[in-house]
C-alpha cells in the first residue's frame, strides 16, 4: 500500500502545481501537454481527483494517531 500512497501523493502534487500555474499565469500544463479537453487530459484530472480523495485516509490516520509532528512536517516529536 505504500506504493499507492506514493503515487497518489505525486499526482496530488502535480495537480497542485498545475492549479498554481492556472492561478498565476492562466496556463494549464496538463491541457498544454495532452490537449485541452482531450481524453488523456480528462484522465489525468480524474486520477488527480481520486488521488486527493485517497490521501484523506493517511491524513485522518495522522490526525487521530496523536502525531502533531506529522501534520507540521517535523520529525521532532
C-alpha atoms as a PDB file:
ATOM      1  CA  UNK A   1       0.000   0.000   0.000  1.00  0.00           C
ATOM      2  CA  UNK A   2       2.994   2.297   0.392  1.00  0.00           C
ATOM      3  CA  UNK A   3       3.416   2.428  -3.395  1.00  0.00           C
ATOM      4  CA  UNK A   4      -0.203   3.525  -3.837  1.00  0.00           C
ATOM      5  CA  UNK A   5       0.278   6.293  -1.273  1.00  0.00           C
ATOM      6  CA  UNK A   6       3.436   7.477  -3.046  1.00  0.00           C
ATOM      7  CA  UNK A   7       1.807   7.508  -6.494  1.00  0.00           C
ATOM      8  CA  UNK A   8      -1.297   9.290  -5.234  1.00  0.00           C
ATOM      9  CA  UNK A   9       0.797  11.849  -3.356  1.00  0.00           C
ATOM     10  CA  UNK A  10       2.806  12.562  -6.515  1.00  0.00           C
ATOM     11  CA  UNK A  11      -0.409  13.016  -8.507  1.00  0.00           C
ATOM     12  CA  UNK A  12      -1.783  15.398  -5.869  1.00  0.00           C
ATOM     13  CA  UNK A  13       1.450  17.397  -6.106  1.00  0.00           C
ATOM     14  CA  UNK A  14       1.179  17.504  -9.909  1.00  0.00           C
ATOM     15  CA  UNK A  15      -2.423  18.675  -9.582  1.00  0.00           C
ATOM     16  CA  UNK A  16      -1.486  21.341  -7.053  1.00  0.00           C
ATOM     17  CA  UNK A  17       1.328  22.650  -9.229  1.00  0.00           C
ATOM     18  CA  UNK A  18      -0.993  22.698 -12.234  1.00  0.00           C
ATOM     19  CA  UNK A  19      -3.589  24.707 -10.289  1.00  0.00           C
ATOM     20  CA  UNK A  20      -0.821  27.079  -9.203  1.00  0.00           C
ATOM     21  CA  UNK A  21       0.103  27.636 -12.844  1.00  0.00           C
ATOM     22  CA  UNK A  22      -3.547  28.185 -13.732  1.00  0.00           C
ATOM     23  CA  UNK A  23      -3.966  30.696 -10.923  1.00  0.00           C
ATOM     24  CA  UNK A  24      -0.749  32.601 -11.518  1.00  0.00           C
ATOM     25  CA  UNK A  25      -0.420  32.541 -15.281  1.00  0.00           C
ATOM     26  CA  UNK A  26      -3.719  31.166 -16.669  1.00  0.00           C
ATOM     27  CA  UNK A  27      -1.640  28.287 -18.037  1.00  0.00           C
ATOM     28  CA  UNK A  28      -2.957  24.732 -17.791  1.00  0.00           C
ATOM     29  CA  UNK A  29       0.089  22.475 -18.166  1.00  0.00           C
ATOM     30  CA  UNK A  30      -1.963  19.277 -18.390  1.00  0.00           C
ATOM     31  CA  UNK A  31      -4.056  20.735 -21.219  1.00  0.00           C
ATOM     32  CA  UNK A  32      -0.916  22.012 -22.931  1.00  0.00           C
ATOM     33  CA  UNK A  33       0.674  18.562 -22.842  1.00  0.00           C
ATOM     34  CA  UNK A  34      -2.339  16.381 -23.648  1.00  0.00           C
ATOM     35  CA  UNK A  35      -4.654  18.819 -25.440  1.00  0.00           C
ATOM     36  CA  UNK A  36      -7.484  20.833 -23.969  1.00  0.00           C
ATOM     37  CA  UNK A  37     -10.478  18.614 -23.271  1.00  0.00           C
ATOM     38  CA  UNK A  38      -8.746  15.510 -24.623  1.00  0.00           C
ATOM     39  CA  UNK A  39      -9.384  12.084 -23.181  1.00  0.00           C
ATOM     40  CA  UNK A  40      -5.861  11.921 -21.740  1.00  0.00           C
ATOM     41  CA  UNK A  41      -6.180  15.328 -20.063  1.00  0.00           C
ATOM     42  CA  UNK A  42      -9.511  14.306 -18.558  1.00  0.00           C
ATOM     43  CA  UNK A  43      -7.955  11.056 -17.354  1.00  0.00           C
ATOM     44  CA  UNK A  44      -5.161  12.971 -15.620  1.00  0.00           C
ATOM     45  CA  UNK A  45      -7.718  15.256 -13.931  1.00  0.00           C
ATOM     46  CA  UNK A  46      -9.745  12.227 -12.801  1.00  0.00           C
ATOM     47  CA  UNK A  47      -6.648  10.473 -11.436  1.00  0.00           C
ATOM     48  CA  UNK A  48      -5.600  13.620  -9.555  1.00  0.00           C
ATOM     49  CA  UNK A  49      -9.080  13.868  -8.024  1.00  0.00           C
ATOM     50  CA  UNK A  50      -9.087  10.217  -6.993  1.00  0.00           C
ATOM     51  CA  UNK A  51      -5.590  10.658  -5.576  1.00  0.00           C
ATOM     52  CA  UNK A  52      -6.708  13.619  -3.478  1.00  0.00           C
ATOM     53  CA  UNK A  53      -9.573  11.555  -2.088  1.00  0.00           C
ATOM     54  CA  UNK A  54      -7.165   8.680  -1.373  1.00  0.00           C
ATOM     55  CA  UNK A  55      -4.818  10.992   0.549  1.00  0.00           C
ATOM     56  CA  UNK A  56      -7.605  11.788   3.005  1.00  0.00           C
ATOM     57  CA  UNK A  57      -7.006   8.376   4.626  1.00  0.00           C
ATOM     58  CA  UNK A  58      -3.350   8.977   5.653  1.00  0.00           C
ATOM     59  CA  UNK A  59      -4.278  12.477   6.798  1.00  0.00           C
ATOM     60  CA  UNK A  60      -7.060  11.123   9.002  1.00  0.00           C
ATOM     61  CA  UNK A  61      -4.719   8.468  10.423  1.00  0.00           C
ATOM     62  CA  UNK A  62      -2.050  11.063  11.218  1.00  0.00           C
ATOM     63  CA  UNK A  63      -4.591  13.320  12.902  1.00  0.00           C
ATOM     64  CA  UNK A  64      -6.061  10.520  15.011  1.00  0.00           C
ATOM     65  CA  UNK A  65      -2.708   8.936  15.952  1.00  0.00           C
ATOM     66  CA  UNK A  66      -1.613  11.900  18.070  1.00  0.00           C
ATOM     67  CA  UNK A  67       1.234  12.719  15.704  1.00  0.00           C
ATOM     68  CA  UNK A  68       1.416  16.515  15.653  1.00  0.00           C
ATOM     69  CA  UNK A  69       4.858  16.382  14.050  1.00  0.00           C
ATOM     70  CA  UNK A  70       3.425  14.525  11.069  1.00  0.00           C
ATOM     71  CA  UNK A  71       0.972  17.338  10.439  1.00  0.00           C
ATOM     72  CA  UNK A  72       3.630  20.054  10.694  1.00  0.00           C
ATOM     73  CA  UNK A  73       6.179  18.148   8.628  1.00  0.00           C
ATOM     74  CA  UNK A  74       8.518  17.915  11.588  1.00  0.00           C
ATOM     75  CA  UNK A  75      10.470  14.813  12.519  1.00  0.00           C
ATOM     76  CA  UNK A  76      10.924  16.008  16.116  1.00  0.00           C
ATOM     77  CA  UNK A  77       8.320  14.593  18.488  1.00  0.00           C
END
